[in-house]
Amino acid sequence: MMKNQVPTFPELFQAETGVLAPCVFDCASARVAELAGFKAICLSGAELSMAMDGLPDLGILNLSELVWIVSRITDNCPLPLIVDAEDGFGSPINVYRTCERLAKAGAKAILLEDEAEPGFAKGVVSKNIIPREEYFAKVKAAKAALEGSGCIFIARTNVPLENGGLEEAIARSLGSLEQGADMTLVTSMKTMEEAQAVAAAVPGYKMFPDINQSVKQPTLRAADLYPLGFNLVTMHFLFKGAMVGMLNYALRTAKEQNNLYPRDDVRFGVSGQSGQPFYPVQDWLDFEAEFTGVSRKFWGDALKLDE
């Protein structure tokens, strides 16, 4: 089948006021993002670790696993993909290899953090932040690896913003831009005041993450962040949605011992128990017929998102 040309992020930012990108973790979640009309997606390292390895975000995911899922998603989804490459899996030479392989696998943006391991998951963030110059060397390695690939580099700092940390995060962002970073990401922003301070001090493309937003904190809406220069806003809702949806089906089916309940739920026109109608099965059968000369018809219903 003919594949659509995947836009680069600079092209997307020129066409859109701002881009809201859901975090995905496999081909199914990427498909849902595409069907819902999103313009880009972000591969979450934390949710990939939970989905692929059954483990929380403790830095256990390896490069081979990451490259494999990136290639699977980009082979099947026409949306530009941002990849969370953690700390690049080691030294600058490892970062070079990581970025080179991810770009070849189809990534359109790679973000790299300045933390030696996922300290936020262990409650010791500040102890794991690496020195500026060490991170800047990684930025240079990443940019060298991505040259001519159409994949941009996002410099991410995990510096806590309390007690002078805001100034340090800004300094790291500016230094990363000097080393060639295409976009910056300050992960610890929690308030509009912090977002405004970063926006005023750091030029160029900026990303805003949802990872520090909770029900106890002020709500920062994407529409309010775009005018500040945050071109890209990500959010982790698809994994939660998938788990809640599966748990809803599983609890009711197990409790009632009702094997017909999933089949009888025909939201979006999807009949039966399989999720196959969420994919363009007939398109693939028609494509196959070009080689075989034999026409086959998909037995299921087509997806109906307009109901």
Protein backbone atom coordinates (compact mmCIF):
# COMPACT_ATOMS: atom_id res chain seq x y z
CA MET A 1 0.00 0.00 0.00
CA MET A 2 1.18 3.54 -0.70
CA LYS A 3 2.38 5.26 2.46
CA ASN A 4 1.58 8.88 3.18
CA GLN A 5 4.54 11.24 3.46
CA VAL A 6 5.08 11.86 7.17
CA PRO A 7 5.56 15.58 7.86
CA THR A 8 8.57 16.81 9.79
CA PHE A 9 7.95 18.74 12.98
CA PRO A 10 9.14 22.07 11.52
CA GLU A 11 6.61 21.57 8.72
CA LEU A 12 3.91 20.74 11.25
CA PHE A 13 4.69 23.77 13.40
CA GLN A 14 4.45 26.01 10.35
CA ALA A 15 0.99 24.64 9.57
CA GLU A 16 -0.43 24.48 13.11
CA THR A 17 -0.77 27.06 15.90
CA GLY A 18 0.22 24.35 18.34
CA VAL A 19 0.33 20.56 18.39
CA LEU A 20 -1.28 18.39 21.06
CA ALA A 21 0.41 14.99 20.97
CA PRO A 22 -0.89 12.01 22.99
CA CYS A 23 1.63 9.57 24.40
CA VAL A 24 1.39 6.15 22.76
CA PHE A 25 2.91 2.81 23.67
CA ASP A 26 2.15 0.47 20.75
CA CYS A 27 0.59 0.28 17.29
CA ALA A 28 -2.95 0.08 18.68
CA SER A 29 -2.64 3.29 20.70
CA ALA A 30 -1.02 5.01 17.69
CA ARG A 31 -3.96 3.88 15.55
CA VAL A 32 -6.44 5.38 18.02
CA ALA A 33 -4.54 8.69 17.99
CA GLU A 34 -4.67 8.70 14.19
CA LEU A 35 -8.41 7.91 14.12
CA ALA A 36 -9.10 10.66 16.66
CA GLY A 37 -7.48 13.26 14.41
CA PHE A 38 -4.29 14.11 16.31
CA LYS A 39 -1.43 15.52 14.25
CA ALA A 40 1.48 13.89 16.09
CA ILE A 41 2.24 11.28 18.74
CA CYS A 42 4.87 10.75 21.44
CA LEU A 43 6.25 7.37 22.49
CA SER A 44 6.31 7.40 26.30
CA GLY A 45 9.21 5.48 27.80
CA ALA A 46 7.29 4.88 31.02
CA GLU A 47 4.17 3.51 29.35
CA LEU A 48 6.17 1.51 26.83
CA SER A 49 8.01 -0.13 29.73
CA MET A 50 4.71 -1.05 31.37
CA ALA A 51 3.13 -2.27 28.13
CA MET A 52 6.12 -4.13 26.66
CA ASP A 53 7.95 -5.43 29.73
CA GLY A 54 5.28 -5.30 32.44
CA LEU A 55 7.59 -3.09 34.51
CA PRO A 56 7.28 0.45 35.92
CA ASP A 57 9.49 3.28 34.67
CA LEU A 58 12.76 2.31 36.33
CA GLY A 59 15.14 2.66 33.38
CA ILE A 60 15.01 -1.03 32.47
CA LEU A 61 13.85 -0.62 28.87
CA ASN A 62 16.74 -1.12 26.42
CA LEU A 63 17.63 0.33 23.03
CA SER A 64 16.77 -2.78 21.03
CA GLU A 65 13.25 -2.82 22.46
CA LEU A 66 12.86 0.89 21.76
CA VAL A 67 14.08 0.65 18.15
CA TRP A 68 11.81 -2.34 17.50
CA ILE A 69 8.60 -0.63 18.65
CA VAL A 70 9.51 2.64 16.90
CA SER A 71 9.89 0.78 13.60
CA ARG A 72 6.56 -1.02 14.11
CA ILE A 73 4.68 2.18 14.91
CA THR A 74 6.19 4.26 12.11
CA ASP A 75 5.59 1.48 9.58
CA ASN A 76 1.87 1.63 10.30
CA CYS A 77 1.05 5.16 11.45
CA PRO A 78 1.32 8.31 9.26
CA LEU A 79 1.75 10.67 12.22
CA PRO A 80 5.21 12.06 13.10
CA LEU A 81 6.53 10.30 16.18
CA ILE A 82 8.45 11.81 19.10
CA VAL A 83 10.58 9.24 20.92
CA ASP A 84 11.60 9.45 24.56
CA ALA A 85 15.16 8.11 24.43
CA GLU A 86 15.71 8.39 28.20
CA ASP A 87 19.38 9.37 28.80
CA GLY A 88 20.51 7.99 25.43
CA PHE A 89 21.65 4.74 27.07
CA GLY A 90 25.06 5.97 28.14
CA SER A 91 27.95 8.12 26.97
CA PRO A 92 27.94 10.49 23.95
CA ILE A 93 28.97 7.65 21.64
CA ASN A 94 26.00 5.64 22.89
CA VAL A 95 23.80 8.69 22.36
CA TYR A 96 25.05 8.98 18.78
CA ARG A 97 24.22 5.34 18.11
CA THR A 98 20.84 5.62 19.85
CA CYS A 99 19.75 8.66 17.86
CA GLU A 100 21.05 7.27 14.57
CA ARG A 101 19.13 4.01 15.01
CA LEU A 102 15.91 5.69 16.14
CA ALA A 103 15.96 8.09 13.19
CA LYS A 104 16.50 5.18 10.80
CA ALA A 105 13.56 3.43 12.49
CA GLY A 106 11.34 6.39 11.60
CA ALA A 107 11.42 8.77 14.57
CA LYS A 108 10.75 12.41 13.64
CA ALA A 109 11.84 13.83 17.01
CA ILE A 110 14.02 12.46 19.79
CA LEU A 111 14.11 13.83 23.31
CA LEU A 112 16.99 13.16 25.68
CA GLU A 113 17.08 13.95 29.40
CA ASP A 114 19.92 15.27 31.54
CA GLU A 115 19.40 12.72 34.28
CA ALA A 116 21.51 9.60 34.75
CA GLU A 117 18.51 7.44 35.61
CA PRO A 118 14.78 8.03 36.23
CA GLY A 119 15.17 9.65 39.60
CA PHE A 120 11.64 11.06 39.56
CA ALA A 121 10.42 7.50 39.93
CA LYS A 122 12.67 7.02 42.97
CA GLY A 123 12.25 10.39 44.67
CA VAL A 124 15.87 11.50 44.24
CA VAL A 125 15.74 13.67 41.13
CA SER A 126 18.38 16.28 41.94
CA LYS A 127 21.03 13.68 42.83
CA ASN A 128 20.93 12.18 39.36
CA ILE A 129 21.17 15.33 37.23
CA ILE A 130 24.42 15.21 35.28
CA PRO A 131 26.74 18.23 34.91
CA ARG A 132 25.89 20.69 32.15
CA GLU A 133 28.97 19.97 30.05
CA GLU A 134 28.30 16.24 30.11
CA TYR A 135 24.80 16.84 28.81
CA PHE A 136 25.94 19.34 26.19
CA ALA A 137 28.36 16.71 24.85
CA LYS A 138 25.37 14.40 24.43
CA VAL A 139 23.46 17.14 22.61
CA LYS A 140 26.33 17.55 20.14
CA ALA A 141 26.51 13.78 19.61
CA ALA A 142 22.77 13.59 19.02
CA LYS A 143 22.80 16.43 16.51
CA ALA A 144 25.67 14.85 14.61
CA ALA A 145 23.78 11.57 14.40
CA LEU A 146 20.57 13.25 13.17
CA GLU A 147 22.15 15.46 10.51
CA GLY A 148 20.18 15.17 7.26
CA SER A 149 17.66 12.72 8.73
CA GLY A 150 14.65 15.05 9.03
CA CYS A 151 14.46 14.13 12.72
CA ILE A 152 14.73 16.96 15.25
CA PHE A 153 16.40 16.86 18.66
CA ILE A 154 14.61 17.94 21.85
CA ALA A 155 16.84 18.86 24.79
CA ARG A 156 15.14 17.91 28.04
CA THR A 157 16.12 19.03 31.51
CA ASN A 158 14.70 17.39 34.64
CA VAL A 159 16.16 19.99 37.02
CA PRO A 160 13.68 20.73 39.87
CA LEU A 161 12.60 24.37 39.68
CA GLU A 162 12.59 25.11 43.42
CA ASN A 163 15.43 26.95 45.18
CA GLY A 164 17.00 28.51 42.13
CA GLY A 165 16.35 25.54 39.90
CA LEU A 166 14.38 27.61 37.41
CA GLU A 167 17.48 29.62 36.53
CA GLU A 168 19.49 26.42 36.15
CA ALA A 169 16.86 24.84 33.91
CA ILE A 170 16.82 27.96 31.73
CA ALA A 171 20.63 27.99 31.55
CA ARG A 172 20.67 24.35 30.48
CA SER A 173 18.01 25.01 27.84
CA LEU A 174 19.93 27.96 26.44
CA GLY A 175 23.18 26.00 26.45
CA SER A 176 21.49 23.13 24.61
CA LEU A 177 20.25 25.52 21.94
CA GLU A 178 23.80 26.79 21.52
CA GLN A 179 24.92 23.21 20.92
CA GLY A 180 22.32 22.80 18.17
CA ALA A 181 19.18 21.49 19.91
CA ASP A 182 16.05 22.12 17.82
CA MET A 183 13.62 22.31 20.73
CA THR A 184 13.77 22.51 24.53
CA LEU A 185 11.77 20.83 27.28
CA VAL A 186 11.73 21.79 30.97
CA THR A 187 9.89 18.92 32.61
CA SER A 188 9.39 20.34 36.11
CA MET A 189 7.05 23.20 35.18
CA LYS A 190 3.86 23.07 37.26
CA THR A 191 2.41 26.58 37.07
CA MET A 192 1.58 29.20 34.47
CA GLU A 193 4.11 31.52 36.14
CA GLU A 194 6.88 28.99 35.57
CA ALA A 195 5.76 28.45 31.98
CA GLN A 196 5.77 32.22 31.38
CA ALA A 197 9.26 32.55 32.86
CA VAL A 198 10.63 29.78 30.64
CA ALA A 199 8.86 31.20 27.59
CA ALA A 200 10.31 34.67 28.21
CA ALA A 201 13.88 33.40 28.63
CA VAL A 202 14.15 30.54 26.13
CA PRO A 203 13.66 31.23 22.41
CA GLY A 204 12.65 28.82 19.69
CA TYR A 205 10.48 25.74 19.70
CA LYS A 206 9.41 24.59 23.16
CA MET A 207 7.62 21.49 24.44
CA PHE A 208 5.35 21.33 27.48
CA PRO A 209 4.82 17.97 29.22
CA ASP A 210 1.89 16.91 31.36
CA ILE A 211 3.90 14.71 33.73
CA ASN A 212 3.84 17.16 36.64
CA GLN A 213 0.18 18.09 36.34
CA SER A 214 -2.16 16.48 38.87
CA VAL A 215 -5.59 17.11 40.34
CA LYS A 216 -3.89 19.03 43.16
CA GLN A 217 -2.26 21.54 40.81
CA PRO A 218 -3.55 24.32 38.56
CA THR A 219 -4.82 23.25 35.16
CA LEU A 220 -2.63 24.43 32.30
CA ARG A 221 -4.50 24.15 29.02
CA ALA A 222 -2.76 23.69 25.68
CA ALA A 223 -4.68 26.64 24.21
CA ASP A 224 -3.13 28.91 26.86
CA LEU A 225 0.37 27.53 26.33
CA TYR A 226 0.54 27.89 22.54
CA PRO A 227 0.63 31.73 22.62
CA LEU A 228 3.64 31.54 24.96
CA GLY A 229 5.62 29.68 22.31
CA PHE A 230 5.03 26.11 23.49
CA ASN A 231 4.54 24.57 20.05
CA LEU A 232 4.11 21.06 21.40
CA VAL A 233 2.06 19.80 24.35
CA THR A 234 2.06 16.11 25.26
CA MET A 235 -0.31 14.14 27.45
CA HIS A 236 -0.39 10.63 28.90
CA PHE A 237 -4.04 9.57 28.65
CA LEU A 238 -4.11 6.68 26.18
CA PHE A 239 -2.50 4.09 28.45
CA LYS A 240 -4.88 4.98 31.27
CA GLY A 241 -7.79 4.88 28.83
CA ALA A 242 -6.75 1.46 27.58
CA MET A 243 -6.33 0.02 31.08
CA VAL A 244 -9.61 1.47 32.35
CA GLY A 245 -11.47 0.24 29.28
CA MET A 246 -10.02 -3.27 29.53
CA LEU A 247 -10.65 -3.40 33.26
CA ASN A 248 -14.26 -2.33 32.74
CA TYR A 249 -14.81 -5.14 30.24
CA ALA A 250 -12.92 -7.67 32.34
CA LEU A 251 -14.61 -6.91 35.67
CA ARG A 252 -18.12 -7.06 34.24
CA THR A 253 -17.43 -10.14 32.14
CA ALA A 254 -15.83 -11.98 35.07
CA LYS A 255 -18.47 -10.92 37.59
CA GLU A 256 -21.44 -11.82 35.41
CA GLN A 257 -19.70 -14.72 33.64
CA ASN A 258 -21.25 -13.11 30.58
CA ASN A 259 -19.29 -14.02 27.48
CA LEU A 260 -21.75 -12.06 25.29
CA TYR A 261 -21.26 -8.64 26.93
CA PRO A 262 -18.17 -7.59 24.92
CA ARG A 263 -19.80 -8.76 21.69
CA ASP A 264 -23.02 -6.83 22.34
CA ASP A 265 -21.21 -3.51 22.99
CA VAL A 266 -21.32 -2.03 19.48
CA ARG A 267 -20.05 1.49 20.12
CA PHE A 268 -18.50 3.00 16.96
CA GLY A 269 -20.24 0.28 14.98
CA VAL A 270 -17.74 -2.38 16.01
CA SER A 271 -19.50 -5.70 16.35
CA GLY A 272 -18.16 -8.96 17.72
CA GLN A 273 -15.42 -9.28 20.31
CA SER A 274 -12.39 -8.41 18.18
CA GLY A 275 -10.90 -4.96 17.68
CA GLN A 276 -10.09 -5.77 14.06
CA PRO A 277 -12.62 -3.27 12.61
CA PHE A 278 -10.47 -0.47 14.02
CA TYR A 279 -8.02 -1.24 11.22
CA PRO A 280 -8.44 -0.83 7.43
CA VAL A 281 -8.80 -4.56 6.80
CA GLN A 282 -10.64 -4.14 3.50
CA ASP A 283 -7.94 -1.81 2.19
CA TRP A 284 -5.35 -4.52 2.77
CA LEU A 285 -7.54 -7.17 1.11
CA ASP A 286 -8.01 -4.91 -1.91
CA PHE A 287 -4.26 -4.31 -2.03
CA GLU A 288 -3.61 -8.06 -1.95
CA ALA A 289 -6.04 -8.54 -4.83
CA GLU A 290 -3.70 -6.48 -7.04
CA PHE A 291 -1.23 -9.38 -6.80
CA THR A 292 -3.59 -12.36 -6.67
CA GLY A 293 -6.45 -11.18 -8.88
CA VAL A 294 -8.80 -12.61 -6.26
CA SER A 295 -11.21 -10.21 -4.53
CA ARG A 296 -12.04 -10.89 -0.91
CA LYS A 297 -14.40 -9.03 1.44
CA PHE A 298 -13.88 -8.35 5.14
CA TRP A 299 -16.60 -10.03 7.20
CA GLY A 300 -16.78 -7.35 9.91
CA ASP A 301 -18.34 -3.92 10.16
CA ALA A 302 -16.55 -0.70 9.26
CA LEU A 303 -15.64 1.73 11.99
CA LYS A 304 -18.15 4.58 12.48
CA LEU A 305 -16.54 7.49 14.31
CA ASP A 306 -19.20 10.00 13.29
CA GLU A 307 -21.97 8.45 15.42
